Amino acid sequence: MSDTLAGVAVVGSANLDLVVEVSRPPLVGETLLGRAGGRFSGGKGLNQAVASARSGAPTRFCGVVGTDEAGDVLQQTLADAGVEAALRRSAAAPTGVAHVLAFDDGDNSIIVAAGANAELDADDAVAGVAGAAVVLAQLEVPVESVAAALRAGRAEGALTILNAAPAHDATIELLGDVDVLVVNETECAELGGIERLHAAGAQTVVLTQGAGGVTLHRAGDDPLHVDAFRIDPVDTTGAGDAFCGALAAALAQGAVIEVALIRACAAGAVVAQHRGATTAALSPASIAALVGSR
């Protein structure tokens, strides 16, 4: 593993996404016929790492996958995106899997089986963030490992970003080592709201609101809203992850957060216009083109 990374280190989950296209969610006990939507690399961590790299920042991904074919697919996805893969292969657990129901209106519902992601430990996490300018983590892997990554990043002088997804009670305890907290409206409500997050130590909170854009909440300052880009969504599965990865990349490249948020919104919009969370359509050029069109 390189110890000279001056970009983004992402610690998190990697899954194989199995997508089924349906008109609506099934009822309990119902068998609902759908259309095969495909098999895609996913997991919040992997998605965010790919988005960071495709946004132009040197990026490392730290995670655990199985020794199965699914793990091979994920490793190849990272390589194709130019991500430095700090992957440990577990012989004891299969690669994580996500079952995605993709609805006609572009929304989705997702069920995740963690598999090898549950084996990501603190040693993996600490090694994974070495040399990073920005450390980005989520909560689909053990919280203790996320805490170790954030502490290690903070100790090395990195900017730390936590995407508190899915919402977890332990989030509040992590905030002392978090520079930027990213939550959606549901997660924010589950964690007690913006004021509680500020009181618990989150000085900078980015509230994502889907098609409603994002709002930057900084303790002691007025909220700053950034509108979403107007698009016709095809698949919103990875839009939030693209936002987080591109935000980390922009901050690692020296952008102020107000500018980084615009780039991140553009990245999310690019990904939402394509099937799959790791589309090669995301690039510095596609982000710049969308930003320039506003």
Protein backbone atom coordinates (compact mmCIF):
# COMPACT_ATOMS: atom_id res chain seq x y z
CA MET A 1 0.00 0.00 0.00
CA SER A 2 1.24 3.46 -0.89
CA ASP A 3 1.86 5.78 2.07
CA THR A 4 2.15 8.88 -0.11
CA LEU A 5 -1.53 9.34 -1.02
CA ALA A 6 -2.33 13.05 -0.88
CA GLY A 7 -5.96 12.61 -1.79
CA VAL A 8 -8.98 10.79 -0.44
CA ALA A 9 -9.05 7.61 1.64
CA VAL A 10 -12.45 5.94 1.82
CA VAL A 11 -13.14 3.34 4.51
CA GLY A 12 -16.35 1.43 4.02
CA SER A 13 -18.49 -1.23 2.42
CA ALA A 14 -18.30 -3.01 -0.92
CA ASN A 15 -21.25 -4.99 -2.26
CA LEU A 16 -22.45 -6.58 -5.45
CA ASP A 17 -25.78 -4.93 -6.32
CA LEU A 18 -28.47 -7.10 -7.90
CA VAL A 19 -31.06 -4.80 -9.49
CA VAL A 20 -34.66 -5.71 -10.33
CA GLU A 21 -36.86 -3.14 -12.07
CA VAL A 22 -40.43 -3.05 -10.75
CA SER A 23 -43.38 -0.67 -10.89
CA ARG A 24 -43.94 -0.72 -7.12
CA PRO A 25 -42.76 -2.48 -3.92
CA PRO A 26 -44.19 -5.97 -3.37
CA LEU A 27 -46.78 -6.55 -0.67
CA VAL A 28 -46.09 -9.00 2.16
CA GLY A 29 -46.53 -12.51 0.81
CA GLU A 30 -46.76 -11.32 -2.80
CA THR A 31 -44.66 -12.54 -5.71
CA LEU A 32 -44.16 -9.57 -8.02
CA LEU A 33 -42.79 -9.99 -11.53
CA GLY A 34 -40.07 -7.55 -12.47
CA ARG A 35 -37.38 -7.01 -15.09
CA ALA A 36 -33.73 -7.90 -14.63
CA GLY A 37 -31.96 -4.58 -14.19
CA GLY A 38 -28.45 -5.96 -14.09
CA ARG A 39 -25.59 -6.69 -11.71
CA PHE A 40 -23.46 -3.76 -10.57
CA SER A 41 -20.62 -3.04 -8.19
CA GLY A 42 -21.86 -1.13 -5.16
CA GLY A 43 -21.72 -0.56 -1.43
CA LYS A 44 -21.56 2.97 -0.08
CA GLY A 45 -17.83 2.84 0.48
CA LEU A 46 -16.93 1.50 -2.95
CA ASN A 47 -19.39 3.84 -4.67
CA GLN A 48 -17.93 6.87 -2.90
CA ALA A 49 -14.36 5.81 -3.64
CA VAL A 50 -15.13 5.38 -7.34
CA ALA A 51 -16.89 8.76 -7.41
CA SER A 52 -13.93 10.43 -5.73
CA ALA A 53 -11.50 8.96 -8.24
CA ARG A 54 -13.72 9.74 -11.22
CA SER A 55 -13.97 13.31 -9.90
CA GLY A 56 -10.21 13.63 -10.28
CA ALA A 57 -8.70 12.98 -6.84
CA PRO A 58 -6.14 10.29 -6.00
CA THR A 59 -8.25 7.81 -4.04
CA ARG A 60 -7.73 4.71 -1.91
CA PHE A 61 -10.49 2.36 -0.83
CA CYS A 62 -10.18 0.24 2.32
CA GLY A 63 -12.64 -2.64 2.68
CA VAL A 64 -13.15 -6.40 2.97
CA VAL A 65 -14.64 -8.72 0.36
CA GLY A 66 -14.88 -12.49 0.03
CA THR A 67 -12.64 -14.79 -1.98
CA ASP A 68 -15.55 -15.37 -4.36
CA GLU A 69 -16.23 -14.19 -7.92
CA ALA A 70 -18.19 -11.21 -6.60
CA GLY A 71 -15.06 -10.02 -4.81
CA ASP A 72 -13.13 -10.27 -8.08
CA VAL A 73 -15.76 -8.11 -9.80
CA LEU A 74 -15.50 -5.42 -7.12
CA GLN A 75 -11.70 -5.42 -7.23
CA GLN A 76 -11.82 -4.96 -11.01
CA THR A 77 -14.31 -2.10 -10.67
CA LEU A 78 -11.92 -0.26 -8.37
CA ALA A 79 -9.02 -0.85 -10.75
CA ASP A 80 -11.03 0.37 -13.74
CA ALA A 81 -11.84 3.62 -11.89
CA GLY A 82 -8.21 4.19 -10.92
CA VAL A 83 -8.79 3.57 -7.21
CA GLU A 84 -5.95 2.19 -5.11
CA ALA A 85 -7.59 -0.88 -3.57
CA ALA A 86 -6.59 -1.75 -0.01
CA LEU A 87 -8.86 -4.80 -0.07
CA ARG A 88 -8.61 -7.69 2.34
CA ARG A 89 -10.08 -10.96 1.03
CA SER A 90 -11.94 -13.00 3.65
CA ALA A 91 -12.07 -16.78 3.35
CA ALA A 92 -14.71 -16.93 6.09
CA ALA A 93 -17.45 -14.68 4.71
CA PRO A 94 -18.92 -14.02 1.26
CA THR A 95 -18.78 -10.65 -0.45
CA GLY A 96 -21.60 -8.36 0.66
CA VAL A 97 -24.69 -8.20 -1.53
CA ALA A 98 -27.44 -5.61 -2.02
CA HIS A 99 -30.84 -6.36 -3.54
CA VAL A 100 -32.08 -3.19 -5.23
CA LEU A 101 -35.69 -2.61 -6.28
CA ALA A 102 -35.58 0.10 -8.94
CA PHE A 103 -38.95 1.80 -9.48
CA ASP A 104 -40.23 3.40 -12.67
CA ASP A 105 -39.99 6.93 -11.23
CA GLY A 106 -36.27 6.58 -10.53
CA ASP A 107 -36.58 5.93 -6.79
CA ASN A 108 -35.44 2.70 -5.16
CA SER A 109 -35.54 0.44 -2.11
CA ILE A 110 -32.48 -1.54 -1.04
CA ILE A 111 -31.84 -4.56 1.21
CA VAL A 112 -28.21 -5.17 2.17
CA ALA A 113 -26.54 -8.35 3.48
CA ALA A 114 -23.17 -7.26 4.91
CA GLY A 115 -21.18 -10.45 4.44
CA ALA A 116 -17.43 -9.75 4.56
CA ASN A 117 -18.04 -6.05 5.26
CA ALA A 118 -18.70 -7.01 8.89
CA GLU A 119 -15.08 -8.18 9.18
CA LEU A 120 -13.53 -4.76 8.52
CA ASP A 121 -11.56 -4.13 11.70
CA ALA A 122 -9.76 -1.18 13.28
CA ASP A 123 -6.35 -2.30 11.98
CA ASP A 124 -7.70 -2.35 8.42
CA ALA A 125 -9.16 1.11 8.89
CA VAL A 126 -6.08 2.75 10.40
CA ALA A 127 -3.81 1.35 7.69
CA GLY A 128 -6.27 2.41 5.02
CA VAL A 129 -6.22 6.13 5.86
CA ALA A 130 -2.45 6.58 6.03
CA GLY A 131 -1.27 9.63 4.09
CA ALA A 132 -4.71 10.91 3.13
CA ALA A 133 -5.66 14.57 2.93
CA VAL A 134 -9.34 13.67 3.36
CA VAL A 135 -10.82 10.63 5.13
CA LEU A 136 -14.37 9.62 4.18
CA ALA A 137 -16.41 6.95 5.97
CA GLN A 138 -19.98 5.68 6.24
CA LEU A 139 -21.80 3.32 8.60
CA GLU A 140 -22.26 0.08 6.62
CA VAL A 141 -19.18 -1.40 8.35
CA PRO A 142 -18.51 -1.87 12.10
CA VAL A 143 -18.78 1.44 13.98
CA GLU A 144 -15.60 0.70 15.94
CA SER A 145 -13.66 0.56 12.68
CA VAL A 146 -15.20 3.82 11.46
CA ALA A 147 -14.22 5.45 14.76
CA ALA A 148 -10.65 4.19 14.37
CA ALA A 149 -10.44 5.57 10.82
CA LEU A 150 -11.72 8.99 11.86
CA ARG A 151 -9.38 9.15 14.87
CA ALA A 152 -6.38 8.12 12.79
CA GLY A 153 -7.24 10.62 10.07
CA ARG A 154 -7.66 13.42 12.58
CA ALA A 155 -4.33 12.50 14.22
CA GLU A 156 -2.58 12.77 10.82
CA GLY A 157 -4.14 16.15 10.09
CA ALA A 158 -6.64 14.93 7.50
CA LEU A 159 -10.06 16.50 6.98
CA THR A 160 -12.61 13.92 8.14
CA ILE A 161 -16.03 13.39 6.56
CA LEU A 162 -18.71 11.06 7.92
CA ASN A 163 -21.71 10.14 5.81
CA ALA A 164 -23.95 8.90 8.65
CA ALA A 165 -25.78 6.37 6.50
CA PRO A 166 -27.52 4.33 7.56
CA ALA A 167 -28.42 6.36 10.67
CA HIS A 168 -26.84 4.80 13.77
CA ASP A 169 -27.12 5.68 17.44
CA ALA A 170 -23.33 5.72 17.75
CA THR A 171 -23.07 8.63 15.31
CA ILE A 172 -23.25 11.17 18.14
CA GLU A 173 -20.23 9.58 19.82
CA LEU A 174 -18.19 9.88 16.62
CA LEU A 175 -18.74 13.58 16.04
CA GLY A 176 -15.72 14.71 18.05
CA ASP A 177 -13.51 13.39 15.23
CA VAL A 178 -15.72 14.57 12.34
CA ASP A 179 -15.08 17.80 10.42
CA VAL A 180 -17.99 17.47 7.97
CA LEU A 181 -21.12 15.42 8.65
CA VAL A 182 -23.30 14.47 5.66
CA VAL A 183 -26.87 13.30 6.34
CA ASN A 184 -30.11 13.18 4.41
CA GLU A 185 -33.38 14.44 5.84
CA THR A 186 -34.42 11.05 7.25
CA GLU A 187 -31.05 10.42 8.89
CA CYS A 188 -30.97 13.94 10.32
CA ALA A 189 -34.40 13.48 11.90
CA GLU A 190 -33.44 10.09 13.35
CA LEU A 191 -30.35 11.68 14.93
CA GLY A 192 -32.39 14.45 16.57
CA GLY A 193 -32.11 17.30 14.06
CA ILE A 194 -29.56 19.94 13.13
CA GLU A 195 -29.47 21.67 16.53
CA ARG A 196 -28.79 18.43 18.37
CA LEU A 197 -26.02 17.57 15.93
CA HIS A 198 -24.43 21.00 16.44
CA ALA A 199 -24.71 20.60 20.21
CA ALA A 200 -23.04 17.19 19.99
CA GLY A 201 -20.03 18.65 18.21
CA ALA A 202 -20.90 18.64 14.51
CA GLN A 203 -19.75 22.12 13.52
CA THR A 204 -20.42 21.56 9.81
CA VAL A 205 -23.47 19.58 8.69
CA VAL A 206 -24.39 19.02 5.04
CA LEU A 207 -28.07 18.15 4.75
CA THR A 208 -28.89 16.45 1.45
CA GLN A 209 -32.47 16.80 0.21
CA GLY A 210 -32.58 14.87 -3.05
CA ALA A 211 -34.20 16.92 -5.79
CA GLY A 212 -34.44 19.75 -3.23
CA GLY A 213 -30.67 20.24 -3.29
CA VAL A 214 -28.47 20.51 -0.20
CA THR A 215 -28.20 22.89 2.73
CA LEU A 216 -24.96 23.69 4.53
CA HIS A 217 -25.42 24.24 8.27
CA ARG A 218 -22.41 25.70 10.08
CA ALA A 219 -22.62 26.39 13.80
CA GLY A 220 -23.12 30.13 14.33
CA ASP A 221 -23.78 30.90 10.63
CA ASP A 222 -26.92 31.19 8.54
CA PRO A 223 -27.76 28.09 6.47
CA LEU A 224 -26.53 28.12 2.87
CA HIS A 225 -28.69 26.35 0.29
CA VAL A 226 -27.44 24.91 -3.01
CA ASP A 227 -30.10 23.99 -5.57
CA ALA A 228 -30.06 20.60 -7.25
CA PHE A 229 -29.42 20.41 -10.99
CA ARG A 230 -32.54 19.84 -13.09
CA ILE A 231 -32.32 16.40 -14.68
CA ASP A 232 -34.50 13.48 -15.75
CA PRO A 233 -33.35 10.71 -13.37
CA VAL A 234 -32.81 7.18 -14.61
CA ASP A 235 -31.50 5.55 -11.42
CA THR A 236 -30.92 7.43 -8.16
CA THR A 237 -29.30 4.43 -6.43
CA GLY A 238 -25.81 5.93 -6.31
CA ALA A 239 -26.51 9.65 -6.52
CA GLY A 240 -25.96 10.28 -2.81
CA ASP A 241 -22.75 8.29 -2.83
CA ALA A 242 -21.51 10.19 -5.90
CA PHE A 243 -22.26 13.41 -4.02
CA CYS A 244 -20.15 12.31 -1.03
CA GLY A 245 -17.25 11.05 -3.13
CA ALA A 246 -17.15 14.18 -5.27
CA LEU A 247 -17.41 16.39 -2.17
CA ALA A 248 -14.39 14.63 -0.65
CA ALA A 249 -12.48 14.93 -3.92
CA ALA A 250 -13.19 18.64 -4.28
CA LEU A 251 -12.13 19.34 -0.71
CA ALA A 252 -8.95 17.28 -1.19
CA GLN A 253 -8.22 19.38 -4.28
CA GLY A 254 -8.43 22.56 -2.20
CA ALA A 255 -11.92 23.81 -3.06
CA VAL A 256 -13.78 25.76 -0.39
CA ILE A 257 -16.86 23.91 0.80
CA GLU A 258 -19.30 26.27 -0.97
CA VAL A 259 -17.71 25.38 -4.32
CA ALA A 260 -17.24 21.72 -3.36
CA LEU A 261 -20.97 21.39 -2.71
CA ILE A 262 -21.84 22.61 -6.21
CA ARG A 263 -19.44 20.11 -7.78
CA ALA A 264 -20.83 17.37 -5.56
CA CYS A 265 -24.41 18.16 -6.60
CA ALA A 266 -23.32 17.98 -10.23
CA ALA A 267 -21.68 14.59 -9.67
CA GLY A 268 -24.84 13.23 -8.10
CA ALA A 269 -26.86 14.50 -11.05
CA VAL A 270 -24.52 12.87 -13.57
CA VAL A 271 -24.77 9.50 -11.84
CA ALA A 272 -28.55 9.72 -11.45
CA GLN A 273 -28.87 9.95 -15.23
CA HIS A 274 -27.27 6.53 -15.71
CA ARG A 275 -27.96 2.99 -14.51
CA GLY A 276 -25.61 1.80 -11.77
CA ALA A 277 -23.74 3.73 -9.10
CA THR A 278 -20.25 3.51 -10.64
CA THR A 279 -20.92 4.81 -14.15
CA ALA A 280 -17.92 5.86 -16.22
CA ALA A 281 -19.99 8.87 -17.36
CA LEU A 282 -18.82 10.61 -14.18
CA SER A 283 -15.64 12.60 -14.86
CA PRO A 284 -14.13 16.01 -14.12
CA ALA A 285 -15.34 17.06 -17.59
CA SER A 286 -18.95 15.95 -17.05
CA ILE A 287 -19.03 17.69 -13.66
CA ALA A 288 -17.57 20.88 -15.14
CA ALA A 289 -20.03 20.82 -18.05
CA LEU A 290 -23.03 20.55 -15.72
CA VAL A 291 -21.69 23.24 -13.38
CA GLY A 292 -21.07 25.49 -16.36
CA SER A 293 -24.63 25.02 -17.61
CA ARG A 294 -26.15 26.59 -14.49
